[in-house]
């Protein structure tokens, strides 16, 4: 509900109320304020700096800078298309360097729930689980690619008037592709629950590493 209010309803209301008095560009900038405030609130709710927190605040800062520096409404729309493609590329790079960002998001959330980060890291890098995280990252990338492509088509066809449809479609695409992403995370949980030997092996490995470090010290 908060996503709908802050990312859809408020931006659309602000856009339609202010575009005539202050112009399209500044109305677009102001329409992003509710989403920025809500994103900061979600960031603070984590109560800890971690990979997901850094990701949230970084995308917030970069996205805001892109909007502010665009200079015009149409440039703002196109720059957001390019930014979405760039983010998709960044997600895929994390797979190439064998550090899938979805895995580190999972580490952050499980740690917040009280699970040992070191044990989970060993567990998540197990071959079977690791590949699932790669596919989750692919879904993240597709989310951005599909959204950017739809936005580009709308801008080409409607110009600045594509802003309305862009806000709504962004949420539809996000929610639609969130389903397989959540499904991927749930499948990881199922594998772990069905494989107590994997958890035991990861725990033993971490304990052995701790003992080795202690002996060296």
N, C-alpha and C. Protein backbone atom coordinates (compact mmCIF):
# COMPACT_ATOMS: atom_id res chain seq x y z
N UNK A 1 0.82 -1.20 0.00
CA UNK A 1 0.00 0.00 0.00
C UNK A 1 0.86 1.26 0.00
N UNK A 2 1.93 1.26 0.84
CA UNK A 2 2.82 2.42 0.86
C UNK A 2 3.53 2.60 -0.47
N UNK A 3 3.91 1.49 -1.11
CA UNK A 3 4.53 1.57 -2.44
C UNK A 3 3.58 2.27 -3.42
N UNK A 4 2.33 1.85 -3.41
CA UNK A 4 1.34 2.42 -4.33
C UNK A 4 1.17 3.92 -4.07
N UNK A 5 1.05 4.28 -2.78
CA UNK A 5 0.83 5.68 -2.43
C UNK A 5 2.04 6.55 -2.80
N UNK A 6 3.24 6.10 -2.42
CA UNK A 6 4.45 6.93 -2.58
C UNK A 6 5.06 6.88 -3.97
N UNK A 7 4.90 5.75 -4.66
CA UNK A 7 5.54 5.62 -5.97
C UNK A 7 4.57 5.83 -7.14
N UNK A 8 3.26 5.81 -6.88
CA UNK A 8 2.29 5.95 -7.96
C UNK A 8 1.34 7.13 -7.72
N UNK A 9 0.56 7.06 -6.63
CA UNK A 9 -0.51 8.05 -6.41
C UNK A 9 0.05 9.46 -6.22
N UNK A 10 0.96 9.65 -5.25
CA UNK A 10 1.52 10.97 -5.00
C UNK A 10 2.20 11.56 -6.25
N UNK A 11 3.08 10.80 -6.94
CA UNK A 11 3.71 11.36 -8.14
C UNK A 11 2.71 11.80 -9.20
N UNK A 12 1.67 10.98 -9.43
CA UNK A 12 0.67 11.34 -10.44
C UNK A 12 -0.11 12.59 -10.04
N UNK A 13 -0.49 12.68 -8.77
CA UNK A 13 -1.24 13.85 -8.29
C UNK A 13 -0.39 15.11 -8.41
N UNK A 14 0.87 15.03 -7.95
CA UNK A 14 1.77 16.19 -8.01
C UNK A 14 2.01 16.60 -9.46
N UNK A 15 2.23 15.62 -10.33
CA UNK A 15 2.48 15.88 -11.74
C UNK A 15 1.33 16.65 -12.38
N UNK A 16 0.10 16.18 -12.16
CA UNK A 16 -1.06 16.81 -12.80
C UNK A 16 -1.41 18.16 -12.17
N UNK A 17 -1.14 18.32 -10.89
CA UNK A 17 -1.46 19.59 -10.22
C UNK A 17 -0.46 20.69 -10.56
N UNK A 18 0.82 20.32 -10.76
CA UNK A 18 1.86 21.34 -10.86
C UNK A 18 2.43 21.54 -12.27
N UNK A 19 2.13 20.67 -13.21
CA UNK A 19 2.78 20.80 -14.52
C UNK A 19 2.39 22.09 -15.24
N UNK A 20 1.16 22.56 -15.07
CA UNK A 20 0.76 23.82 -15.70
C UNK A 20 1.35 25.04 -14.99
N UNK A 21 1.28 25.10 -13.63
CA UNK A 21 1.83 26.29 -12.95
C UNK A 21 3.36 26.41 -13.05
N UNK A 22 4.11 25.29 -12.96
CA UNK A 22 5.57 25.41 -12.89
C UNK A 22 6.29 24.74 -14.06
N UNK A 23 5.56 24.05 -14.93
CA UNK A 23 6.19 23.41 -16.09
C UNK A 23 6.44 21.92 -15.88
N UNK A 24 6.58 21.21 -16.99
CA UNK A 24 6.73 19.75 -16.95
C UNK A 24 7.95 19.29 -16.17
N UNK A 25 9.09 19.93 -16.43
CA UNK A 25 10.35 19.48 -15.84
C UNK A 25 10.34 19.57 -14.33
N UNK A 26 9.96 20.73 -13.80
CA UNK A 26 9.96 20.91 -12.34
C UNK A 26 8.85 20.09 -11.68
N UNK A 27 7.76 19.89 -12.38
CA UNK A 27 6.70 19.03 -11.85
C UNK A 27 7.20 17.59 -11.73
N UNK A 28 8.01 17.15 -12.72
CA UNK A 28 8.59 15.80 -12.66
C UNK A 28 9.53 15.68 -11.48
N UNK A 29 10.36 16.71 -11.28
CA UNK A 29 11.29 16.67 -10.15
C UNK A 29 10.55 16.58 -8.82
N UNK A 30 9.54 17.42 -8.65
CA UNK A 30 8.80 17.44 -7.39
C UNK A 30 8.01 16.15 -7.19
N UNK A 31 7.58 15.53 -8.29
CA UNK A 31 6.80 14.29 -8.16
C UNK A 31 7.64 13.14 -7.61
N UNK A 32 8.98 13.28 -7.69
CA UNK A 32 9.85 12.22 -7.18
C UNK A 32 10.10 12.35 -5.67
N UNK A 33 9.72 13.48 -5.07
CA UNK A 33 10.01 13.73 -3.65
C UNK A 33 9.36 12.70 -2.73
N UNK A 34 8.06 12.36 -2.91
CA UNK A 34 7.47 11.34 -2.02
C UNK A 34 8.22 10.01 -2.08
N UNK A 35 8.63 9.59 -3.28
CA UNK A 35 9.37 8.34 -3.42
C UNK A 35 10.73 8.41 -2.74
N UNK A 36 11.40 9.58 -2.83
CA UNK A 36 12.71 9.75 -2.19
C UNK A 36 12.56 9.66 -0.67
N UNK A 37 11.56 10.35 -0.13
CA UNK A 37 11.34 10.33 1.33
C UNK A 37 11.01 8.90 1.79
N UNK A 38 10.19 8.21 1.03
CA UNK A 38 9.81 6.84 1.39
C UNK A 38 11.01 5.90 1.31
N UNK A 39 11.86 6.10 0.29
CA UNK A 39 13.06 5.26 0.16
C UNK A 39 14.00 5.47 1.33
N UNK A 40 14.17 6.73 1.75
CA UNK A 40 15.02 7.04 2.91
C UNK A 40 14.44 6.37 4.16
N UNK A 41 13.12 6.42 4.30
CA UNK A 41 12.46 5.79 5.44
C UNK A 41 12.74 4.28 5.46
N UNK A 42 12.65 3.64 4.29
CA UNK A 42 12.92 2.20 4.20
C UNK A 42 14.38 1.90 4.51
N UNK A 43 15.25 2.80 4.05
CA UNK A 43 16.68 2.63 4.32
C UNK A 43 16.95 2.69 5.83
N UNK A 44 16.35 3.68 6.50
CA UNK A 44 16.54 3.82 7.95
C UNK A 44 15.93 2.65 8.71
N UNK A 45 14.86 2.07 8.16
CA UNK A 45 14.20 0.95 8.84
C UNK A 45 15.11 -0.25 8.96
N UNK A 46 16.10 -0.36 8.05
CA UNK A 46 17.05 -1.48 8.13
C UNK A 46 17.96 -1.36 9.35
N UNK A 47 18.19 -0.09 9.79
CA UNK A 47 18.98 0.19 11.00
C UNK A 47 20.41 -0.36 10.92
N UNK A 48 20.90 -0.52 9.69
CA UNK A 48 22.25 -1.05 9.54
C UNK A 48 22.76 -0.80 8.13
N UNK A 49 24.03 -0.41 8.02
CA UNK A 49 24.63 -0.26 6.70
C UNK A 49 25.05 -1.64 6.20
N UNK A 50 24.50 -2.04 5.08
CA UNK A 50 24.85 -3.33 4.48
C UNK A 50 24.76 -3.19 2.97
N UNK A 51 24.93 -4.27 2.24
CA UNK A 51 24.93 -4.20 0.78
C UNK A 51 23.61 -3.63 0.26
N UNK A 52 22.50 -4.13 0.81
CA UNK A 52 21.20 -3.66 0.36
C UNK A 52 21.00 -2.19 0.70
N UNK A 53 21.44 -1.78 1.89
CA UNK A 53 21.32 -0.39 2.30
C UNK A 53 22.15 0.52 1.40
N UNK A 54 23.38 0.10 1.11
CA UNK A 54 24.24 0.88 0.23
C UNK A 54 23.63 0.97 -1.17
N UNK A 55 23.06 -0.15 -1.63
CA UNK A 55 22.41 -0.16 -2.95
C UNK A 55 21.25 0.83 -2.98
N UNK A 56 20.42 0.82 -1.95
CA UNK A 56 19.26 1.70 -1.91
C UNK A 56 19.67 3.17 -1.93
N UNK A 57 20.61 3.54 -1.07
CA UNK A 57 20.99 4.94 -0.96
C UNK A 57 21.77 5.39 -2.20
N UNK A 58 22.56 4.49 -2.79
CA UNK A 58 23.32 4.83 -4.00
C UNK A 58 22.39 5.09 -5.19
N UNK A 59 21.43 4.20 -5.39
CA UNK A 59 20.50 4.38 -6.50
C UNK A 59 19.64 5.61 -6.29
N UNK A 60 19.32 5.90 -5.02
CA UNK A 60 18.54 7.10 -4.71
C UNK A 60 19.32 8.35 -5.08
N UNK A 61 20.59 8.42 -4.67
CA UNK A 61 21.43 9.60 -4.94
C UNK A 61 21.67 9.76 -6.44
N UNK A 62 22.06 8.68 -7.11
CA UNK A 62 22.34 8.75 -8.54
C UNK A 62 21.09 9.11 -9.33
N UNK A 63 19.98 8.47 -8.98
CA UNK A 63 18.72 8.76 -9.67
C UNK A 63 18.30 10.21 -9.51
N UNK A 64 18.45 10.75 -8.30
CA UNK A 64 18.10 12.14 -8.04
C UNK A 64 19.01 13.09 -8.82
N UNK A 65 20.31 12.79 -8.84
CA UNK A 65 21.26 13.63 -9.59
C UNK A 65 20.92 13.64 -11.08
N UNK A 66 20.59 12.48 -11.62
CA UNK A 66 20.22 12.39 -13.03
C UNK A 66 19.01 13.26 -13.32
N UNK A 67 18.01 13.20 -12.43
CA UNK A 67 16.81 14.01 -12.62
C UNK A 67 17.13 15.50 -12.57
N UNK A 68 17.88 15.90 -11.55
CA UNK A 68 18.18 17.32 -11.35
C UNK A 68 19.02 17.89 -12.48
N UNK A 69 19.97 17.08 -12.98
CA UNK A 69 20.90 17.57 -14.00
C UNK A 69 20.38 17.42 -15.43
N UNK A 70 19.20 16.84 -15.59
CA UNK A 70 18.69 16.59 -16.94
C UNK A 70 18.39 17.89 -17.70
N UNK A 71 17.87 18.87 -16.98
CA UNK A 71 17.66 20.19 -17.61
C UNK A 71 16.33 20.38 -18.30
N UNK A 72 15.68 19.30 -18.72
CA UNK A 72 14.37 19.42 -19.37
C UNK A 72 13.58 18.14 -19.12
N UNK A 73 12.28 18.24 -19.33
CA UNK A 73 11.41 17.10 -19.06
C UNK A 73 11.74 15.91 -19.97
N UNK A 74 11.93 16.18 -21.26
CA UNK A 74 12.19 15.07 -22.20
C UNK A 74 13.55 14.44 -21.94
N UNK A 75 14.54 15.26 -21.58
CA UNK A 75 15.86 14.71 -21.23
C UNK A 75 15.77 13.84 -19.98
N UNK A 76 14.97 14.28 -19.02
CA UNK A 76 14.80 13.51 -17.79
C UNK A 76 14.25 12.13 -18.10
N UNK A 77 13.24 12.08 -18.97
CA UNK A 77 12.65 10.79 -19.33
C UNK A 77 13.66 9.89 -20.02
N UNK A 78 14.41 10.45 -20.99
CA UNK A 78 15.39 9.63 -21.71
C UNK A 78 16.54 9.20 -20.80
N UNK A 79 16.97 10.09 -19.93
CA UNK A 79 18.07 9.73 -19.02
C UNK A 79 17.68 8.59 -18.09
N UNK A 80 16.41 8.54 -17.71
CA UNK A 80 15.95 7.44 -16.87
C UNK A 80 15.92 6.12 -17.64
N UNK A 81 15.69 6.20 -18.93
CA UNK A 81 15.77 5.00 -19.78
C UNK A 81 17.21 4.49 -19.81
N UNK A 82 18.16 5.41 -20.07
CA UNK A 82 19.57 5.01 -20.11
C UNK A 82 20.03 4.46 -18.76
N UNK A 83 19.54 5.08 -17.69
CA UNK A 83 19.92 4.66 -16.34
C UNK A 83 19.44 3.24 -16.05
N UNK A 84 18.21 2.94 -16.49
CA UNK A 84 17.66 1.59 -16.29
C UNK A 84 18.49 0.55 -17.04
N UNK A 85 18.90 0.87 -18.27
CA UNK A 85 19.76 -0.05 -19.03
C UNK A 85 21.11 -0.23 -18.33
N UNK A 86 21.65 0.87 -17.80
CA UNK A 86 22.93 0.80 -17.09
C UNK A 86 22.82 -0.07 -15.85
N UNK A 87 21.72 0.06 -15.11
CA UNK A 87 21.52 -0.76 -13.92
C UNK A 87 21.41 -2.24 -14.28
N UNK A 88 20.73 -2.53 -15.40
CA UNK A 88 20.64 -3.92 -15.86
C UNK A 88 22.03 -4.47 -16.14
N UNK A 89 22.86 -3.65 -16.80
CA UNK A 89 24.23 -4.08 -17.08
C UNK A 89 25.02 -4.31 -15.80
N UNK A 90 24.82 -3.42 -14.82
CA UNK A 90 25.52 -3.57 -13.54
C UNK A 90 25.13 -4.86 -12.84
N UNK A 91 23.84 -5.20 -12.87
CA UNK A 91 23.38 -6.46 -12.27
C UNK A 91 24.09 -7.64 -12.93
N UNK A 92 24.15 -7.63 -14.26
CA UNK A 92 24.77 -8.75 -14.98
C UNK A 92 26.26 -8.83 -14.71
N UNK A 93 26.90 -7.69 -14.48
CA UNK A 93 28.33 -7.69 -14.15
C UNK A 93 28.58 -8.44 -12.85
N UNK A 94 27.66 -8.32 -11.89
CA UNK A 94 27.85 -9.02 -10.61
C UNK A 94 27.85 -10.54 -10.81
N UNK A 95 27.17 -11.01 -11.86
CA UNK A 95 27.22 -12.44 -12.19
C UNK A 95 28.58 -12.79 -12.79
N UNK A 96 29.04 -11.93 -13.69
CA UNK A 96 30.31 -12.18 -14.38
C UNK A 96 31.48 -12.25 -13.39
N UNK A 97 31.46 -11.36 -12.38
CA UNK A 97 32.55 -11.35 -11.40
C UNK A 97 32.29 -12.34 -10.26
N UNK A 98 31.25 -13.16 -10.42
CA UNK A 98 30.91 -14.23 -9.47
C UNK A 98 30.57 -13.68 -8.09
N UNK A 99 29.90 -12.53 -8.08
CA UNK A 99 29.40 -11.95 -6.84
C UNK A 99 27.96 -11.49 -7.06
N UNK A 100 27.03 -12.43 -7.34
CA UNK A 100 25.65 -12.04 -7.66
C UNK A 100 25.03 -11.22 -6.53
N UNK A 101 24.55 -10.04 -6.87
CA UNK A 101 24.08 -9.11 -5.85
C UNK A 101 22.88 -9.67 -5.09
N UNK A 102 22.08 -10.52 -5.74
CA UNK A 102 20.92 -11.11 -5.06
C UNK A 102 21.36 -11.96 -3.87
N UNK A 103 22.52 -12.58 -3.98
CA UNK A 103 23.06 -13.39 -2.89
C UNK A 103 23.38 -12.51 -1.68
N UNK A 104 23.97 -11.34 -1.95
CA UNK A 104 24.33 -10.45 -0.85
C UNK A 104 23.11 -9.78 -0.23
N UNK A 105 22.07 -9.54 -1.04
CA UNK A 105 20.80 -9.07 -0.48
C UNK A 105 20.26 -10.11 0.50
N UNK A 106 20.32 -11.38 0.10
CA UNK A 106 19.82 -12.46 0.96
C UNK A 106 20.64 -12.54 2.25
N UNK A 107 21.95 -12.36 2.14
CA UNK A 107 22.80 -12.35 3.35
C UNK A 107 22.39 -11.25 4.30
N UNK A 108 22.11 -10.07 3.75
CA UNK A 108 21.70 -8.93 4.59
C UNK A 108 20.40 -9.23 5.34
N UNK A 109 19.42 -9.74 4.60
CA UNK A 109 18.11 -9.96 5.22
C UNK A 109 18.13 -11.11 6.23
N UNK A 110 18.87 -12.17 5.93
CA UNK A 110 18.94 -13.28 6.88
C UNK A 110 19.72 -12.87 8.13
N UNK A 111 20.72 -12.01 7.96
CA UNK A 111 21.47 -11.52 9.12
C UNK A 111 20.58 -10.68 10.02
N UNK A 112 19.72 -9.86 9.41
CA UNK A 112 18.79 -9.04 10.19
C UNK A 112 17.80 -9.91 10.97
N UNK A 113 17.57 -11.13 10.47
CA UNK A 113 16.67 -12.05 11.15
C UNK A 113 17.39 -12.88 12.22
N UNK A 114 18.69 -12.63 12.40
CA UNK A 114 19.43 -13.28 13.47
C UNK A 114 20.28 -14.46 13.06
N UNK A 115 20.36 -14.75 11.76
CA UNK A 115 21.17 -15.88 11.30
C UNK A 115 22.63 -15.46 11.15
N UNK A 116 23.53 -16.42 11.31
CA UNK A 116 24.97 -16.15 11.20
C UNK A 116 25.35 -15.86 9.75
N UNK A 117 25.94 -14.69 9.52
CA UNK A 117 26.26 -14.27 8.16
C UNK A 117 27.34 -15.17 7.53
N UNK A 118 28.35 -15.53 8.30
CA UNK A 118 29.44 -16.34 7.76
C UNK A 118 28.96 -17.71 7.32
N UNK A 119 28.12 -18.33 8.16
CA UNK A 119 27.58 -19.65 7.81
C UNK A 119 26.71 -19.55 6.56
N UNK A 120 25.84 -18.54 6.53
CA UNK A 120 24.97 -18.38 5.37
C UNK A 120 25.76 -18.10 4.09
N UNK A 121 26.86 -17.36 4.21
CA UNK A 121 27.67 -17.07 3.03
C UNK A 121 28.24 -18.36 2.45
N UNK A 122 28.75 -19.23 3.33
CA UNK A 122 29.25 -20.53 2.86
C UNK A 122 28.13 -21.33 2.22
N UNK A 123 26.97 -21.26 2.84
CA UNK A 123 25.81 -22.01 2.36
C UNK A 123 25.34 -21.49 1.00
N UNK A 124 25.24 -20.17 0.87
CA UNK A 124 24.73 -19.57 -0.36
C UNK A 124 25.67 -19.75 -1.55
N UNK A 125 26.97 -19.94 -1.27
CA UNK A 125 27.90 -20.15 -2.38
C UNK A 125 28.00 -21.61 -2.78
N UNK A 126 27.20 -22.47 -2.14
CA UNK A 126 27.12 -23.86 -2.61
C UNK A 126 26.59 -23.84 -4.04
N UNK A 127 27.15 -24.68 -4.88
CA UNK A 127 26.91 -24.63 -6.32
C UNK A 127 25.42 -24.54 -6.68
N UNK A 128 24.61 -25.41 -6.09
CA UNK A 128 23.19 -25.47 -6.45
C UNK A 128 22.48 -24.18 -6.09
N UNK A 129 22.75 -23.66 -4.90
CA UNK A 129 22.10 -22.43 -4.44
C UNK A 129 22.65 -21.22 -5.17
N UNK A 130 23.94 -21.22 -5.41
CA UNK A 130 24.62 -20.10 -6.08
C UNK A 130 24.01 -19.84 -7.46
N UNK A 131 23.71 -20.89 -8.22
CA UNK A 131 23.15 -20.72 -9.55
C UNK A 131 21.74 -20.12 -9.50
N UNK A 132 20.99 -20.45 -8.47
CA UNK A 132 19.66 -19.86 -8.33
C UNK A 132 19.77 -18.36 -8.12
N UNK A 133 20.73 -17.93 -7.30
CA UNK A 133 20.94 -16.50 -7.10
C UNK A 133 21.32 -15.81 -8.41
N UNK A 134 22.08 -16.50 -9.25
CA UNK A 134 22.41 -15.93 -10.56
C UNK A 134 21.15 -15.66 -11.38
N UNK A 135 20.22 -16.61 -11.35
CA UNK A 135 18.99 -16.44 -12.11
C UNK A 135 18.12 -15.33 -11.52
N UNK A 136 18.18 -15.16 -10.22
CA UNK A 136 17.45 -14.05 -9.59
C UNK A 136 18.01 -12.71 -10.07
N UNK A 137 19.34 -12.64 -10.19
CA UNK A 137 19.97 -11.42 -10.71
C UNK A 137 19.53 -11.17 -12.16
N UNK A 138 19.44 -12.23 -12.95
CA UNK A 138 18.96 -12.10 -14.32
C UNK A 138 17.56 -11.50 -14.33
N UNK A 139 16.72 -11.92 -13.39
CA UNK A 139 15.37 -11.36 -13.29
C UNK A 139 15.42 -9.88 -12.93
N UNK A 140 16.33 -9.50 -12.03
CA UNK A 140 16.52 -8.07 -11.71
C UNK A 140 16.88 -7.30 -12.99
N UNK A 141 17.82 -7.85 -13.77
CA UNK A 141 18.26 -7.18 -15.00
C UNK A 141 17.11 -7.07 -16.00
N UNK A 142 16.35 -8.15 -16.16
CA UNK A 142 15.22 -8.13 -17.09
C UNK A 142 14.18 -7.09 -16.67
N UNK A 143 14.00 -6.96 -15.38
CA UNK A 143 13.07 -5.96 -14.86
C UNK A 143 13.43 -4.58 -15.39
N UNK A 144 14.71 -4.23 -15.32
CA UNK A 144 15.17 -2.93 -15.80
C UNK A 144 15.13 -2.82 -17.32
N UNK A 145 15.51 -3.89 -18.01
CA UNK A 145 15.53 -3.86 -19.48
C UNK A 145 14.12 -3.70 -20.04
N UNK A 146 13.18 -4.49 -19.51
CA UNK A 146 11.80 -4.41 -19.99
C UNK A 146 11.21 -3.03 -19.71
N UNK A 147 11.45 -2.54 -18.50
CA UNK A 147 10.92 -1.23 -18.12
C UNK A 147 11.50 -0.14 -19.01
N UNK A 148 12.82 -0.17 -19.23
CA UNK A 148 13.48 0.85 -20.06
C UNK A 148 12.96 0.79 -21.50
N UNK A 149 12.77 -0.41 -22.01
CA UNK A 149 12.30 -0.56 -23.39
C UNK A 149 10.88 -0.02 -23.55
N UNK A 150 10.02 -0.30 -22.57
CA UNK A 150 8.65 0.22 -22.61
C UNK A 150 8.65 1.74 -22.52
N UNK A 151 9.48 2.27 -21.62
CA UNK A 151 9.59 3.73 -21.49
C UNK A 151 10.06 4.37 -22.78
N UNK A 152 11.08 3.78 -23.41
CA UNK A 152 11.61 4.32 -24.66
C UNK A 152 10.53 4.36 -25.73
N UNK A 153 9.73 3.29 -25.81
CA UNK A 153 8.63 3.25 -26.79
C UNK A 153 7.60 4.32 -26.50
N UNK A 154 7.25 4.49 -25.21
CA UNK A 154 6.26 5.49 -24.83
C UNK A 154 6.75 6.92 -25.13
N UNK A 155 8.03 7.17 -24.83
CA UNK A 155 8.58 8.51 -25.09
C UNK A 155 8.59 8.80 -26.58
N UNK A 156 8.98 7.81 -27.37
CA UNK A 156 9.01 7.98 -28.82
C UNK A 156 7.62 8.28 -29.37
N UNK A 157 6.62 7.63 -28.77
CA UNK A 157 5.24 7.77 -29.27
C UNK A 157 4.52 8.99 -28.70
N UNK A 158 4.71 9.26 -27.38
CA UNK A 158 3.92 10.31 -26.73
C UNK A 158 4.73 11.50 -26.24
N UNK A 159 6.06 11.42 -26.27
CA UNK A 159 6.86 12.53 -25.76
C UNK A 159 6.73 12.67 -24.26
N UNK A 160 6.61 13.91 -23.77
CA UNK A 160 6.51 14.17 -22.34
C UNK A 160 5.27 13.53 -21.73
N UNK A 161 4.22 13.36 -22.53
CA UNK A 161 2.97 12.78 -22.03
C UNK A 161 3.17 11.32 -21.60
N UNK A 162 4.32 10.74 -21.91
CA UNK A 162 4.61 9.36 -21.51
C UNK A 162 4.85 9.24 -20.02
N UNK A 163 4.99 10.37 -19.32
CA UNK A 163 5.31 10.35 -17.89
C UNK A 163 4.24 9.59 -17.09
N UNK A 164 2.96 9.85 -17.39
CA UNK A 164 1.86 9.17 -16.69
C UNK A 164 1.97 7.66 -16.83
N UNK A 165 2.03 7.23 -18.10
CA UNK A 165 2.08 5.79 -18.37
C UNK A 165 3.34 5.17 -17.79
N UNK A 166 4.45 5.94 -17.79
CA UNK A 166 5.71 5.43 -17.26
C UNK A 166 5.63 5.10 -15.79
N UNK A 167 4.96 5.97 -15.01
CA UNK A 167 4.81 5.74 -13.57
C UNK A 167 4.03 4.46 -13.31
N UNK A 168 2.92 4.31 -14.02
CA UNK A 168 2.06 3.15 -13.80
C UNK A 168 2.73 1.86 -14.28
N UNK A 169 3.30 1.91 -15.49
CA UNK A 169 3.94 0.71 -16.04
C UNK A 169 5.15 0.28 -15.23
N UNK A 170 5.87 1.26 -14.66
CA UNK A 170 7.03 0.92 -13.82
C UNK A 170 6.60 0.02 -12.68
N UNK A 171 5.49 0.35 -12.04
CA UNK A 171 5.03 -0.45 -10.92
C UNK A 171 4.47 -1.79 -11.38
N UNK A 172 3.77 -1.81 -12.51
CA UNK A 172 3.23 -3.06 -13.03
C UNK A 172 4.37 -4.04 -13.35
N UNK A 173 5.41 -3.53 -14.04
CA UNK A 173 6.55 -4.37 -14.40
C UNK A 173 7.28 -4.82 -13.13
N UNK A 174 7.49 -3.89 -12.20
CA UNK A 174 8.18 -4.23 -10.95
C UNK A 174 7.45 -5.33 -10.19
N UNK A 175 6.14 -5.14 -10.04
CA UNK A 175 5.36 -6.14 -9.30
C UNK A 175 5.30 -7.46 -10.05
N UNK A 176 5.17 -7.39 -11.39
CA UNK A 176 5.08 -8.62 -12.18
C UNK A 176 6.34 -9.46 -12.07
N UNK A 177 7.50 -8.82 -12.19
CA UNK A 177 8.75 -9.56 -12.12
C UNK A 177 9.21 -9.81 -10.69
N UNK A 178 8.56 -9.17 -9.73
CA UNK A 178 8.88 -9.46 -8.33
C UNK A 178 8.42 -10.87 -7.95
N UNK A 179 7.38 -11.35 -8.63
CA UNK A 179 6.84 -12.69 -8.32
C UNK A 179 7.90 -13.78 -8.56
N UNK A 180 8.53 -13.85 -9.75
CA UNK A 180 9.59 -14.88 -9.91
C UNK A 180 10.80 -14.63 -9.04
N UNK A 181 11.09 -13.36 -8.73
CA UNK A 181 12.23 -13.06 -7.85
C UNK A 181 11.97 -13.61 -6.46
N UNK A 182 10.77 -13.33 -5.93
CA UNK A 182 10.41 -13.87 -4.61
C UNK A 182 10.37 -15.39 -4.66
N UNK A 183 9.86 -15.93 -5.79
CA UNK A 183 9.83 -17.38 -5.95
C UNK A 183 11.23 -17.98 -5.90
N UNK A 184 12.20 -17.28 -6.48
CA UNK A 184 13.57 -17.76 -6.43
C UNK A 184 14.12 -17.79 -5.02
N UNK A 185 13.85 -16.74 -4.26
CA UNK A 185 14.30 -16.71 -2.87
C UNK A 185 13.62 -17.80 -2.04
N UNK A 186 12.32 -18.01 -2.29
CA UNK A 186 11.60 -19.06 -1.55
C UNK A 186 12.15 -20.44 -1.90
N UNK A 187 12.55 -20.61 -3.17
CA UNK A 187 13.11 -21.90 -3.59
C UNK A 187 14.45 -22.14 -2.90
N UNK A 188 15.24 -21.10 -2.74
CA UNK A 188 16.50 -21.22 -1.99
C UNK A 188 16.20 -21.67 -0.56
N UNK A 189 15.20 -21.05 0.06
CA UNK A 189 14.82 -21.45 1.41
C UNK A 189 14.38 -22.90 1.49
N UNK A 190 13.65 -23.35 0.46
CA UNK A 190 13.19 -24.74 0.44
C UNK A 190 14.38 -25.70 0.34
N UNK A 191 15.34 -25.37 -0.52
CA UNK A 191 16.53 -26.23 -0.66
C UNK A 191 17.26 -26.35 0.67
N UNK A 192 17.41 -25.21 1.35
CA UNK A 192 18.12 -25.21 2.63
C UNK A 192 17.36 -26.03 3.67
N UNK A 193 16.03 -25.84 3.72
CA UNK A 193 15.22 -26.59 4.69
C UNK A 193 15.25 -28.09 4.43
N UNK A 194 15.36 -28.45 3.14
CA UNK A 194 15.35 -29.87 2.77
C UNK A 194 16.75 -30.48 2.79
N UNK A 195 17.77 -29.66 3.09
CA UNK A 195 19.15 -30.15 3.05
C UNK A 195 19.91 -29.78 4.32
N UNK A 196 19.55 -30.38 5.46
CA UNK A 196 20.25 -30.06 6.71
C UNK A 196 21.74 -30.37 6.66
N UNK A 197 22.12 -31.30 5.76
CA UNK A 197 23.54 -31.63 5.63
C UNK A 197 24.34 -30.45 5.09
N UNK A 198 23.73 -29.65 4.22
CA UNK A 198 24.40 -28.46 3.69
C UNK A 198 24.66 -27.44 4.79
N UNK A 199 23.66 -27.26 5.65
CA UNK A 199 23.80 -26.31 6.77
C UNK A 199 24.89 -26.79 7.72
N UNK A 200 24.88 -28.10 8.00
CA UNK A 200 25.88 -28.66 8.90
C UNK A 200 27.28 -28.51 8.33
N UNK A 201 27.42 -28.77 7.04
CA UNK A 201 28.73 -28.66 6.39
C UNK A 201 29.23 -27.22 6.41
N UNK A 202 28.34 -26.25 6.15
CA UNK A 202 28.72 -24.84 6.17
C UNK A 202 29.14 -24.41 7.57
N UNK A 203 28.41 -24.88 8.58
CA UNK A 203 28.73 -24.54 9.98
C UNK A 203 30.09 -25.10 10.37
N UNK A 204 30.35 -26.34 9.98
CA UNK A 204 31.64 -26.96 10.30
C UNK A 204 32.80 -26.23 9.63
N UNK A 205 32.59 -25.83 8.38
CA UNK A 205 33.64 -25.11 7.65
C UNK A 205 33.97 -23.79 8.33
N UNK A 206 32.94 -23.07 8.76
CA UNK A 206 33.15 -21.78 9.44
C UNK A 206 33.88 -21.99 10.77
N UNK A 207 33.48 -23.02 11.51
CA UNK A 207 34.14 -23.30 12.80
C UNK A 207 35.61 -23.66 12.59
N UNK A 208 35.88 -24.44 11.58
CA UNK A 208 37.27 -24.83 11.28
C UNK A 208 38.10 -23.61 10.90
N UNK A 209 37.51 -22.69 10.14
CA UNK A 209 38.23 -21.48 9.75
C UNK A 209 38.51 -20.60 10.97
N UNK A 210 37.53 -20.51 11.88
CA UNK A 210 37.71 -19.72 13.10
C UNK A 210 38.82 -20.31 13.96
N UNK A 211 38.82 -21.63 14.08
CA UNK A 211 39.85 -22.30 14.88
C UNK A 211 41.23 -22.09 14.25
N UNK A 212 41.30 -22.14 12.93
CA UNK A 212 42.57 -21.94 12.23
C UNK A 212 43.10 -20.54 12.46
N UNK A 213 42.21 -19.55 12.42
CA UNK A 213 42.60 -18.15 12.64
C UNK A 213 43.08 -17.97 14.08
N UNK A 214 42.35 -18.61 15.01
CA UNK A 214 42.71 -18.50 16.44
C UNK A 214 44.09 -19.09 16.71
N UNK A 215 44.38 -20.22 16.07
CA UNK A 215 45.69 -20.86 16.25
C UNK A 215 46.82 -20.02 15.67
N UNK A 216 46.58 -19.38 14.54
CA UNK A 216 47.59 -18.52 13.93
C UNK A 216 47.86 -17.28 14.77
N UNK A 217 46.80 -16.82 15.46
CA UNK A 217 46.96 -15.64 16.32
C UNK A 217 47.76 -15.98 17.58
